[in-house]
Amino acid sequence: KTLGIPLIFDPANFVQCGAETYPYAYNLLKEHIVYMHIKDCLADTGKV
């Protein structure tokens, strides 16, 4: 919002930061997502 830059959404990185990817992060950011990294992660271990 501040810079007007589009976002790459990386679900695994959000998981590793302790963020809920869906629905929370997705719904918050959906208007700005132009690219998605396909990578998954286990919340309990941080393992890809």
All heavy atoms as atom14 arrays in JSON, in Angstrom:
{
  "sequence": "KTLGIPLIFDPANFVQCGAETYPYAYNLLKEHIVYMHIKDCLADTGKV",
  "atom14_mask": [
    [1, 1, 1, 1, 1, 1, 1, 1, 1, 0, 0, 0, 0, 0],
    [1, 1, 1, 1, 1, 1, 1, 0, 0, 0, 0, 0, 0, 0],
    [1, 1, 1, 1, 1, 1, 1, 1, 0, 0, 0, 0, 0, 0],
    [1, 1, 1, 1, 0, 0, 0, 0, 0, 0, 0, 0, 0, 0],
    [1, 1, 1, 1, 1, 1, 1, 1, 0, 0, 0, 0, 0, 0],
    [1, 1, 1, 1, 1, 1, 1, 0, 0, 0, 0, 0, 0, 0],
    [1, 1, 1, 1, 1, 1, 1, 1, 0, 0, 0, 0, 0, 0],
    [1, 1, 1, 1, 1, 1, 1, 1, 0, 0, 0, 0, 0, 0],
    [1, 1, 1, 1, 1, 1, 1, 1, 1, 1, 1, 0, 0, 0],
    [1, 1, 1, 1, 1, 1, 1, 1, 0, 0, 0, 0, 0, 0],
    [1, 1, 1, 1, 1, 1, 1, 0, 0, 0, 0, 0, 0, 0],
    [1, 1, 1, 1, 1, 0, 0, 0, 0, 0, 0, 0, 0, 0],
    [1, 1, 1, 1, 1, 1, 1, 1, 0, 0, 0, 0, 0, 0],
    [1, 1, 1, 1, 1, 1, 1, 1, 1, 1, 1, 0, 0, 0],
    [1, 1, 1, 1, 1, 1, 1, 0, 0, 0, 0, 0, 0, 0],
    [1, 1, 1, 1, 1, 1, 1, 1, 1, 0, 0, 0, 0, 0],
    [1, 1, 1, 1, 1, 1, 0, 0, 0, 0, 0, 0, 0, 0],
    [1, 1, 1, 1, 0, 0, 0, 0, 0, 0, 0, 0, 0, 0],
    [1, 1, 1, 1, 1, 0, 0, 0, 0, 0, 0, 0, 0, 0],
    [1, 1, 1, 1, 1, 1, 1, 1, 1, 0, 0, 0, 0, 0],
    [1, 1, 1, 1, 1, 1, 1, 0, 0, 0, 0, 0, 0, 0],
    [1, 1, 1, 1, 1, 1, 1, 1, 1, 1, 1, 1, 0, 0],
    [1, 1, 1, 1, 1, 1, 1, 0, 0, 0, 0, 0, 0, 0],
    [1, 1, 1, 1, 1, 1, 1, 1, 1, 1, 1, 1, 0, 0],
    [1, 1, 1, 1, 1, 0, 0, 0, 0, 0, 0, 0, 0, 0],
    [1, 1, 1, 1, 1, 1, 1, 1, 1, 1, 1, 1, 0, 0],
    [1, 1, 1, 1, 1, 1, 1, 1, 0, 0, 0, 0, 0, 0],
    [1, 1, 1, 1, 1, 1, 1, 1, 0, 0, 0, 0, 0, 0],
    [1, 1, 1, 1, 1, 1, 1, 1, 0, 0, 0, 0, 0, 0],
    [1, 1, 1, 1, 1, 1, 1, 1, 1, 0, 0, 0, 0, 0],
    [1, 1, 1, 1, 1, 1, 1, 1, 1, 0, 0, 0, 0, 0],
    [1, 1, 1, 1, 1, 1, 1, 1, 1, 1, 0, 0, 0, 0],
    [1, 1, 1, 1, 1, 1, 1, 1, 0, 0, 0, 0, 0, 0],
    [1, 1, 1, 1, 1, 1, 1, 0, 0, 0, 0, 0, 0, 0],
    [1, 1, 1, 1, 1, 1, 1, 1, 1, 1, 1, 1, 0, 0],
    [1, 1, 1, 1, 1, 1, 1, 1, 0, 0, 0, 0, 0, 0],
    [1, 1, 1, 1, 1, 1, 1, 1, 1, 1, 0, 0, 0, 0],
    [1, 1, 1, 1, 1, 1, 1, 1, 0, 0, 0, 0, 0, 0],
    [1, 1, 1, 1, 1, 1, 1, 1, 1, 0, 0, 0, 0, 0],
    [1, 1, 1, 1, 1, 1, 1, 1, 0, 0, 0, 0, 0, 0],
    [1, 1, 1, 1, 1, 1, 0, 0, 0, 0, 0, 0, 0, 0],
    [1, 1, 1, 1, 1, 1, 1, 1, 0, 0, 0, 0, 0, 0],
    [1, 1, 1, 1, 1, 0, 0, 0, 0, 0, 0, 0, 0, 0],
    [1, 1, 1, 1, 1, 1, 1, 1, 0, 0, 0, 0, 0, 0],
    [1, 1, 1, 1, 1, 1, 1, 0, 0, 0, 0, 0, 0, 0],
    [1, 1, 1, 1, 0, 0, 0, 0, 0, 0, 0, 0, 0, 0],
    [1, 1, 1, 1, 1, 1, 1, 1, 1, 0, 0, 0, 0, 0],
    [1, 1, 1, 1, 1, 1, 1, 0, 0, 0, 0, 0, 0, 0]
  ],
  "atom14_positions": [
    [[0.82, -1.22, 0.0], [0.0, 0.0, 0.0], [0.85, 1.27, 0.0], [0.56, 2.21, -0.72], [-0.93, 0.01, 1.21], [-2.12, -0.91, 1.07], [-3.06, -0.73, 2.24], [-4.41, -1.34, 1.95], [-5.35, -1.08, 3.05], [0.0, 0.0, 0.0], [0.0, 0.0, 0.0], [0.0, 0.0, 0.0], [0.0, 0.0, 0.0], [0.0, 0.0, 0.0]],
    [[1.89, 1.3, 0.81], [2.72, 2.5, 0.94], [3.49, 2.77, -0.34], [3.61, 3.92, -0.78], [3.69, 2.37, 2.13], [2.93, 2.13, 3.32], [4.52, 3.63, 2.3], [0.0, 0.0, 0.0], [0.0, 0.0, 0.0], [0.0, 0.0, 0.0], [0.0, 0.0, 0.0], [0.0, 0.0, 0.0], [0.0, 0.0, 0.0], [0.0, 0.0, 0.0]],
    [[4.03, 1.71, -0.96], [4.89, 1.89, -2.12], [4.21, 1.59, -3.45], [4.76, 1.89, -4.51], [6.13, 0.98, -1.98], [7.0, 1.26, -0.76], [7.99, 0.12, -0.56], [7.72, 2.59, -0.91], [0.0, 0.0, 0.0], [0.0, 0.0, 0.0], [0.0, 0.0, 0.0], [0.0, 0.0, 0.0], [0.0, 0.0, 0.0], [0.0, 0.0, 0.0]],
    [[3.04, 0.97, -3.39], [2.35, 0.61, -4.63], [3.01, -0.53, -5.38], [2.94, -0.59, -6.61], [0.0, 0.0, 0.0], [0.0, 0.0, 0.0], [0.0, 0.0, 0.0], [0.0, 0.0, 0.0], [0.0, 0.0, 0.0], [0.0, 0.0, 0.0], [0.0, 0.0, 0.0], [0.0, 0.0, 0.0], [0.0, 0.0, 0.0], [0.0, 0.0, 0.0]],
    [[3.67, -1.42, -4.64], [4.36, -2.54, -5.29], [3.53, -3.82, -5.19], [2.88, -4.07, -4.17], [5.77, -2.79, -4.7], [5.7, -2.98, -3.18], [6.71, -1.67, -5.07], [7.01, -3.4, -2.56], [0.0, 0.0, 0.0], [0.0, 0.0, 0.0], [0.0, 0.0, 0.0], [0.0, 0.0, 0.0], [0.0, 0.0, 0.0], [0.0, 0.0, 0.0]],
    [[3.53, -4.63, -6.24], [2.84, -5.92, -6.2], [3.64, -6.94, -5.39], [4.82, -6.75, -5.12], [2.71, -6.32, -7.67], [3.71, -5.5, -8.41], [4.07, -4.32, -7.56], [0.0, 0.0, 0.0], [0.0, 0.0, 0.0], [0.0, 0.0, 0.0], [0.0, 0.0, 0.0], [0.0, 0.0, 0.0], [0.0, 0.0, 0.0], [0.0, 0.0, 0.0]],
    [[2.96, -8.02, -5.04], [3.55, -9.01, -4.14], [3.7, -10.39, -4.76], [2.89, -10.82, -5.58], [2.67, -9.16, -2.9], [2.42, -7.91, -2.07], [1.44, -8.19, -0.95], [3.73, -7.34, -1.54], [0.0, 0.0, 0.0], [0.0, 0.0, 0.0], [0.0, 0.0, 0.0], [0.0, 0.0, 0.0], [0.0, 0.0, 0.0], [0.0, 0.0, 0.0]],
    [[4.76, -11.06, -4.31], [4.94, -12.49, -4.52], [4.46, -13.15, -3.23], [4.91, -12.78, -2.15], [6.42, -12.86, -4.75], [6.96, -12.16, -5.98], [6.58, -14.38, -4.85], [8.48, -12.29, -6.14], [0.0, 0.0, 0.0], [0.0, 0.0, 0.0], [0.0, 0.0, 0.0], [0.0, 0.0, 0.0], [0.0, 0.0, 0.0], [0.0, 0.0, 0.0]],
    [[3.55, -14.1, -3.35], [3.01, -14.79, -2.18], [3.71, -16.14, -2.06], [3.6, -16.97, -2.95], [1.5, -14.98, -2.37], [0.76, -15.41, -1.15], [0.08, -14.48, -0.37], [0.7, -16.75, -0.78], [-0.63, -14.88, 0.75], [-0.02, -17.15, 0.34], [-0.68, -16.22, 1.11], [0.0, 0.0, 0.0], [0.0, 0.0, 0.0], [0.0, 0.0, 0.0]],
    [[4.44, -16.33, -0.97], [5.14, -17.6, -0.73], [4.56, -18.24, 0.52], [4.9, -17.84, 1.64], [6.64, -17.36, -0.57], [7.44, -18.65, -0.5], [6.97, -19.62, 0.13], [8.54, -18.69, -1.07], [0.0, 0.0, 0.0], [0.0, 0.0, 0.0], [0.0, 0.0, 0.0], [0.0, 0.0, 0.0], [0.0, 0.0, 0.0], [0.0, 0.0, 0.0]],
    [[3.68, -19.23, 0.34], [3.04, -19.86, 1.51], [4.04, -20.46, 2.5], [3.86, -20.31, 3.71], [2.17, -20.96, 0.89], [1.95, -20.55, -0.51], [3.19, -19.8, -0.91], [0.0, 0.0, 0.0], [0.0, 0.0, 0.0], [0.0, 0.0, 0.0], [0.0, 0.0, 0.0], [0.0, 0.0, 0.0], [0.0, 0.0, 0.0], [0.0, 0.0, 0.0]],
    [[5.08, -21.12, 2.03], [6.04, -21.75, 2.94], [6.72, -20.71, 3.82], [6.93, -20.94, 5.01], [7.07, -22.56, 2.16], [0.0, 0.0, 0.0], [0.0, 0.0, 0.0], [0.0, 0.0, 0.0], [0.0, 0.0, 0.0], [0.0, 0.0, 0.0], [0.0, 0.0, 0.0], [0.0, 0.0, 0.0], [0.0, 0.0, 0.0], [0.0, 0.0, 0.0]],
    [[7.08, -19.58, 3.24], [7.72, -18.54, 4.05], [6.79, -18.0, 5.11], [7.21, -17.74, 6.24], [8.25, -17.41, 3.16], [9.43, -17.83, 2.33], [9.99, -18.9, 2.5], [9.82, -16.98, 1.39], [0.0, 0.0, 0.0], [0.0, 0.0, 0.0], [0.0, 0.0, 0.0], [0.0, 0.0, 0.0], [0.0, 0.0, 0.0], [0.0, 0.0, 0.0]],
    [[5.51, -17.83, 4.77], [4.55, -17.39, 5.79], [4.42, -18.43, 6.9], [4.39, -18.09, 8.08], [3.17, -17.11, 5.18], [3.02, -15.73, 4.59], [2.33, -15.56, 3.41], [3.54, -14.61, 5.21], [2.16, -14.29, 2.86], [3.4, -13.33, 4.67], [2.7, -13.18, 3.49], [0.0, 0.0, 0.0], [0.0, 0.0, 0.0], [0.0, 0.0, 0.0]],
    [[4.35, -19.7, 6.53], [4.26, -20.77, 7.54], [5.48, -20.71, 8.46], [5.35, -20.79, 9.69], [4.13, -22.16, 6.89], [4.27, -23.27, 7.93], [2.79, -22.3, 6.17], [0.0, 0.0, 0.0], [0.0, 0.0, 0.0], [0.0, 0.0, 0.0], [0.0, 0.0, 0.0], [0.0, 0.0, 0.0], [0.0, 0.0, 0.0], [0.0, 0.0, 0.0]],
    [[6.65, -20.54, 7.88], [7.87, -20.48, 8.69], [7.93, -19.25, 9.6], [8.66, -19.25, 10.57], [9.12, -20.54, 7.79], [9.29, -21.9, 7.17], [10.46, -21.98, 6.2], [10.85, -21.0, 5.59], [11.01, -23.17, 6.05], [0.0, 0.0, 0.0], [0.0, 0.0, 0.0], [0.0, 0.0, 0.0], [0.0, 0.0, 0.0], [0.0, 0.0, 0.0]],
    [[7.13, -18.23, 9.29], [7.05, -17.04, 10.14], [5.89, -17.12, 11.13], [5.63, -16.16, 11.85], [6.88, -15.79, 9.27], [8.34, -15.39, 8.3], [0.0, 0.0, 0.0], [0.0, 0.0, 0.0], [0.0, 0.0, 0.0], [0.0, 0.0, 0.0], [0.0, 0.0, 0.0], [0.0, 0.0, 0.0], [0.0, 0.0, 0.0], [0.0, 0.0, 0.0]],
    [[5.19, -18.25, 11.12], [4.08, -18.43, 12.04], [2.79, -17.76, 11.62], [1.87, -17.6, 12.43], [0.0, 0.0, 0.0], [0.0, 0.0, 0.0], [0.0, 0.0, 0.0], [0.0, 0.0, 0.0], [0.0, 0.0, 0.0], [0.0, 0.0, 0.0], [0.0, 0.0, 0.0], [0.0, 0.0, 0.0], [0.0, 0.0, 0.0], [0.0, 0.0, 0.0]],
    [[2.68, -17.37, 10.36], [1.47, -16.71, 9.85], [0.51, -17.74, 9.25], [0.95, -18.71, 8.64], [1.84, -15.67, 8.81], [0.0, 0.0, 0.0], [0.0, 0.0, 0.0], [0.0, 0.0, 0.0], [0.0, 0.0, 0.0], [0.0, 0.0, 0.0], [0.0, 0.0, 0.0], [0.0, 0.0, 0.0], [0.0, 0.0, 0.0], [0.0, 0.0, 0.0]],
    [[-0.76, -17.48, 9.38], [-1.78, -18.32, 8.75], [-1.9, -17.89, 7.28], [-2.26, -16.74, 6.99], [-3.12, -18.12, 9.46], [-4.25, -18.92, 8.84], [-5.58, -18.58, 9.47], [-6.12, -17.49, 9.16], [-6.07, -19.39, 10.27], [0.0, 0.0, 0.0], [0.0, 0.0, 0.0], [0.0, 0.0, 0.0], [0.0, 0.0, 0.0], [0.0, 0.0, 0.0]],
    [[-1.58, -18.81, 6.36], [-1.58, -18.46, 4.94], [-2.98, -18.26, 4.38], [-3.19, -17.38, 3.56], [-0.89, -19.54, 4.1], [-1.6, -20.76, 4.26], [0.56, -19.71, 4.52], [0.0, 0.0, 0.0], [0.0, 0.0, 0.0], [0.0, 0.0, 0.0], [0.0, 0.0, 0.0], [0.0, 0.0, 0.0], [0.0, 0.0, 0.0], [0.0, 0.0, 0.0]],
    [[-3.89, -19.12, 4.82], [-5.26, -19.08, 4.32], [-6.2, -19.43, 5.45], [-5.94, -20.4, 6.16], [-5.44, -20.06, 3.16], [-6.83, -20.02, 2.57], [-7.15, -19.05, 1.63], [-7.81, -20.89, 2.99], [-8.43, -18.98, 1.11], [-9.09, -20.82, 2.46], [-9.39, -19.87, 1.53], [-10.65, -19.78, 1.02], [0.0, 0.0, 0.0], [0.0, 0.0, 0.0]],
    [[-7.21, -18.66, 5.65], [-7.66, -17.54, 4.82], [-7.0, -16.2, 5.13], [-7.08, -15.28, 4.34], [-9.16, -17.48, 5.1], [-9.32, -18.0, 6.48], [-8.23, -19.03, 6.66], [0.0, 0.0, 0.0], [0.0, 0.0, 0.0], [0.0, 0.0, 0.0], [0.0, 0.0, 0.0], [0.0, 0.0, 0.0], [0.0, 0.0, 0.0], [0.0, 0.0, 0.0]],
    [[-6.34, -16.08, 6.29], [-5.89, -14.76, 6.76], [-4.97, -14.03, 5.79], [-5.31, -12.97, 5.28], [-5.24, -14.86, 8.15], [-4.76, -13.52, 8.63], [-5.69, -12.54, 9.01], [-3.42, -13.2, 8.65], [-5.27, -11.3, 9.42], [-2.98, -11.96, 9.06], [-3.91, -11.01, 9.45], [-3.49, -9.77, 9.84], [0.0, 0.0, 0.0], [0.0, 0.0, 0.0]],
    [[-3.76, -14.54, 5.57], [-2.79, -13.82, 4.74], [-3.31, -13.63, 3.32], [-3.18, -12.54, 2.74], [-1.44, -14.54, 4.73], [0.0, 0.0, 0.0], [0.0, 0.0, 0.0], [0.0, 0.0, 0.0], [0.0, 0.0, 0.0], [0.0, 0.0, 0.0], [0.0, 0.0, 0.0], [0.0, 0.0, 0.0], [0.0, 0.0, 0.0], [0.0, 0.0, 0.0]],
    [[-3.9, -14.68, 2.76], [-4.42, -14.56, 1.4], [-5.45, -13.44, 1.31], [-5.37, -12.58, 0.42], [-5.01, -15.88, 0.9], [-5.71, -15.68, -0.42], [-4.98, -15.57, -1.58], [-7.09, -15.51, -0.49], [-5.59, -15.32, -2.8], [-7.71, -15.27, -1.69], [-6.97, -15.16, -2.85], [-7.58, -14.89, -4.04], [0.0, 0.0, 0.0], [0.0, 0.0, 0.0]],
    [[-6.43, -13.44, 2.2], [-7.49, -12.43, 2.13], [-6.96, -11.02, 2.37], [-7.44, -10.06, 1.76], [-8.62, -12.76, 3.11], [-9.49, -13.88, 2.59], [-9.68, -14.04, 1.4], [-10.01, -14.68, 3.5], [0.0, 0.0, 0.0], [0.0, 0.0, 0.0], [0.0, 0.0, 0.0], [0.0, 0.0, 0.0], [0.0, 0.0, 0.0], [0.0, 0.0, 0.0]],
    [[-5.97, -10.88, 3.22], [-5.38, -9.58, 3.48], [-4.64, -9.04, 2.26], [-4.67, -7.84, 1.97], [-4.4, -9.7, 4.66], [-3.84, -8.41, 5.24], [-4.94, -7.59, 5.91], [-2.74, -8.74, 6.24], [0.0, 0.0, 0.0], [0.0, 0.0, 0.0], [0.0, 0.0, 0.0], [0.0, 0.0, 0.0], [0.0, 0.0, 0.0], [0.0, 0.0, 0.0]],
    [[-4.01, -9.94, 1.49], [-3.1, -9.52, 0.42], [-3.61, -9.77, -0.99], [-2.95, -9.35, -1.96], [-1.76, -10.25, 0.6], [-1.07, -10.02, 1.95], [0.13, -10.94, 2.1], [-0.68, -8.56, 2.13], [0.0, 0.0, 0.0], [0.0, 0.0, 0.0], [0.0, 0.0, 0.0], [0.0, 0.0, 0.0], [0.0, 0.0, 0.0], [0.0, 0.0, 0.0]],
    [[-4.73, -10.42, -1.16], [-5.16, -10.9, -2.48], [-5.18, -9.84, -3.56], [-4.9, -10.14, -4.72], [-6.52, -11.6, -2.38], [-7.66, -10.74, -1.94], [-8.91, -11.57, -1.74], [-10.03, -10.74, -1.16], [-11.2, -11.59, -0.86], [0.0, 0.0, 0.0], [0.0, 0.0, 0.0], [0.0, 0.0, 0.0], [0.0, 0.0, 0.0], [0.0, 0.0, 0.0]],
    [[-5.47, -8.61, -3.23], [-5.52, -7.55, -4.24], [-4.14, -7.19, -4.78], [-4.04, -6.53, -5.81], [-6.16, -6.3, -3.65], [-7.59, -6.47, -3.23], [-8.11, -5.27, -2.47], [-7.56, -4.16, -2.62], [-9.08, -5.45, -1.71], [0.0, 0.0, 0.0], [0.0, 0.0, 0.0], [0.0, 0.0, 0.0], [0.0, 0.0, 0.0], [0.0, 0.0, 0.0]],
    [[-3.1, -7.63, -4.09], [-1.74, -7.23, -4.46], [-0.9, -8.39, -5.0], [0.24, -8.18, -5.4], [-1.05, -6.63, -3.23], [-1.82, -5.51, -2.62], [-1.83, -4.23, -3.13], [-2.65, -5.48, -1.55], [-2.61, -3.47, -2.41], [-3.12, -4.2, -1.44], [0.0, 0.0, 0.0], [0.0, 0.0, 0.0], [0.0, 0.0, 0.0], [0.0, 0.0, 0.0]],
    [[-1.45, -9.6, -5.02], [-0.69, -10.78, -5.44], [-0.65, -10.88, -6.96], [-1.68, -10.93, -7.61], [-1.3, -12.08, -4.86], [-1.3, -12.04, -3.33], [-0.55, -13.32, -5.37], [-2.13, -13.14, -2.69], [0.0, 0.0, 0.0], [0.0, 0.0, 0.0], [0.0, 0.0, 0.0], [0.0, 0.0, 0.0], [0.0, 0.0, 0.0], [0.0, 0.0, 0.0]],
    [[0.56, -10.92, -7.53], [0.73, -11.09, -8.97], [1.59, -12.3, -9.3], [1.79, -12.62, -10.47], [1.33, -9.83, -9.64], [0.41, -8.63, -9.45], [2.73, -9.54, -9.13], [0.0, 0.0, 0.0], [0.0, 0.0, 0.0], [0.0, 0.0, 0.0], [0.0, 0.0, 0.0], [0.0, 0.0, 0.0], [0.0, 0.0, 0.0], [0.0, 0.0, 0.0]],
    [[2.08, -12.97, -8.27], [3.03, -14.05, -8.46], [2.94, -14.93, -7.23], [2.79, -14.43, -6.11], [4.41, -13.4, -8.56], [5.56, -14.21, -9.07], [6.25, -13.81, -10.21], [6.03, -15.33, -8.4], [7.36, -14.5, -10.67], [7.13, -16.03, -8.86], [7.79, -15.62, -9.98], [8.88, -16.29, -10.44], [0.0, 0.0, 0.0], [0.0, 0.0, 0.0]],
    [[3.04, -16.24, -7.41], [2.98, -17.14, -6.27], [4.09, -18.17, -6.37], [4.25, -18.82, -7.4], [1.63, -17.85, -6.2], [1.49, -18.74, -4.99], [-0.2, -19.35, -4.82], [0.05, -20.6, -3.58], [0.0, 0.0, 0.0], [0.0, 0.0, 0.0], [0.0, 0.0, 0.0], [0.0, 0.0, 0.0], [0.0, 0.0, 0.0], [0.0, 0.0, 0.0]],
    [[4.85, -18.29, -5.3], [5.85, -19.35, -5.21], [5.16, -20.62, -4.73], [4.38, -20.58, -3.78], [6.97, -18.97, -4.24], [7.94, -18.02, -4.81], [8.95, -17.45, -4.07], [8.09, -17.53, -6.07], [9.66, -16.66, -4.84], [9.15, -16.68, -6.05], [0.0, 0.0, 0.0], [0.0, 0.0, 0.0], [0.0, 0.0, 0.0], [0.0, 0.0, 0.0]],
    [[5.44, -21.7, -5.41], [4.84, -22.99, -5.06], [5.85, -23.76, -4.22], [6.79, -24.36, -4.73], [4.43, -23.77, -6.32], [3.44, -22.95, -7.14], [3.85, -25.13, -5.93], [2.13, -22.62, -6.45], [0.0, 0.0, 0.0], [0.0, 0.0, 0.0], [0.0, 0.0, 0.0], [0.0, 0.0, 0.0], [0.0, 0.0, 0.0], [0.0, 0.0, 0.0]],
    [[5.63, -23.67, -2.92], [6.49, -24.31, -1.94], [5.65, -24.45, -0.68], [4.96, -23.51, -0.29], [7.71, -23.43, -1.7], [8.75, -23.98, -0.79], [9.98, -23.06, -0.75], [9.66, -21.83, 0.04], [10.67, -20.8, 0.03], [0.0, 0.0, 0.0], [0.0, 0.0, 0.0], [0.0, 0.0, 0.0], [0.0, 0.0, 0.0], [0.0, 0.0, 0.0]],
    [[5.66, -25.61, -0.05], [4.85, -25.86, 1.14], [5.76, -26.11, 2.33], [6.97, -26.31, 2.17], [3.92, -27.06, 0.9], [2.59, -26.95, 1.61], [2.49, -26.18, 2.59], [1.64, -27.64, 1.21], [0.0, 0.0, 0.0], [0.0, 0.0, 0.0], [0.0, 0.0, 0.0], [0.0, 0.0, 0.0], [0.0, 0.0, 0.0], [0.0, 0.0, 0.0]],
    [[5.19, -26.11, 3.52], [5.99, -26.21, 4.73], [5.16, -26.77, 5.87], [3.94, -26.54, 5.93], [6.47, -24.8, 5.08], [7.55, -24.71, 6.5], [0.0, 0.0, 0.0], [0.0, 0.0, 0.0], [0.0, 0.0, 0.0], [0.0, 0.0, 0.0], [0.0, 0.0, 0.0], [0.0, 0.0, 0.0], [0.0, 0.0, 0.0], [0.0, 0.0, 0.0]],
    [[5.8, -27.49, 6.77], [5.15, -28.0, 7.97], [5.31, -26.97, 9.09], [6.42, -26.54, 9.4], [5.77, -29.32, 8.41], [5.61, -30.48, 7.42], [6.44, -31.68, 7.88], [4.14, -30.87, 7.28], [0.0, 0.0, 0.0], [0.0, 0.0, 0.0], [0.0, 0.0, 0.0], [0.0, 0.0, 0.0], [0.0, 0.0, 0.0], [0.0, 0.0, 0.0]],
    [[4.19, -26.58, 9.69], [4.23, -25.56, 10.73], [5.0, -26.01, 11.97], [5.72, -25.21, 12.58], [2.8, -25.16, 11.13], [0.0, 0.0, 0.0], [0.0, 0.0, 0.0], [0.0, 0.0, 0.0], [0.0, 0.0, 0.0], [0.0, 0.0, 0.0], [0.0, 0.0, 0.0], [0.0, 0.0, 0.0], [0.0, 0.0, 0.0], [0.0, 0.0, 0.0]],
    [[4.9, -27.27, 12.33], [5.53, -27.71, 13.58], [7.04, -27.82, 13.49], [7.73, -27.67, 14.5], [4.92, -29.02, 14.07], [5.06, -30.17, 13.09], [5.36, -29.93, 11.91], [4.86, -31.34, 13.51], [0.0, 0.0, 0.0], [0.0, 0.0, 0.0], [0.0, 0.0, 0.0], [0.0, 0.0, 0.0], [0.0, 0.0, 0.0], [0.0, 0.0, 0.0]],
    [[7.58, -28.03, 12.31], [9.04, -28.19, 12.17], [9.69, -27.11, 11.3], [10.91, -26.94, 11.34], [9.4, -29.55, 11.54], [8.87, -29.59, 10.2], [8.87, -30.7, 12.37], [0.0, 0.0, 0.0], [0.0, 0.0, 0.0], [0.0, 0.0, 0.0], [0.0, 0.0, 0.0], [0.0, 0.0, 0.0], [0.0, 0.0, 0.0], [0.0, 0.0, 0.0]],
    [[8.91, -26.41, 10.48], [9.47, -25.44, 9.55], [10.1, -26.09, 8.33], [10.74, -25.43, 7.52], [0.0, 0.0, 0.0], [0.0, 0.0, 0.0], [0.0, 0.0, 0.0], [0.0, 0.0, 0.0], [0.0, 0.0, 0.0], [0.0, 0.0, 0.0], [0.0, 0.0, 0.0], [0.0, 0.0, 0.0], [0.0, 0.0, 0.0], [0.0, 0.0, 0.0]],
    [[9.9, -27.39, 8.18], [10.51, -28.14, 7.07], [9.71, -27.96, 5.78], [8.49, -28.07, 5.76], [10.57, -29.62, 7.44], [11.29, -30.46, 6.43], [11.44, -31.89, 6.91], [12.24, -32.68, 5.89], [12.5, -34.03, 6.33], [0.0, 0.0, 0.0], [0.0, 0.0, 0.0], [0.0, 0.0, 0.0], [0.0, 0.0, 0.0], [0.0, 0.0, 0.0]],
    [[10.43, -27.69, 4.69], [9.81, -27.56, 3.37], [9.43, -28.95, 2.87], [10.22, -29.89, 2.98], [10.76, -26.85, 2.39], [10.2, -26.85, 0.98], [11.05, -25.43, 2.86], [0.0, 0.0, 0.0], [0.0, 0.0, 0.0], [0.0, 0.0, 0.0], [0.0, 0.0, 0.0], [0.0, 0.0, 0.0], [0.0, 0.0, 0.0], [0.0, 0.0, 0.0]]
  ]
}
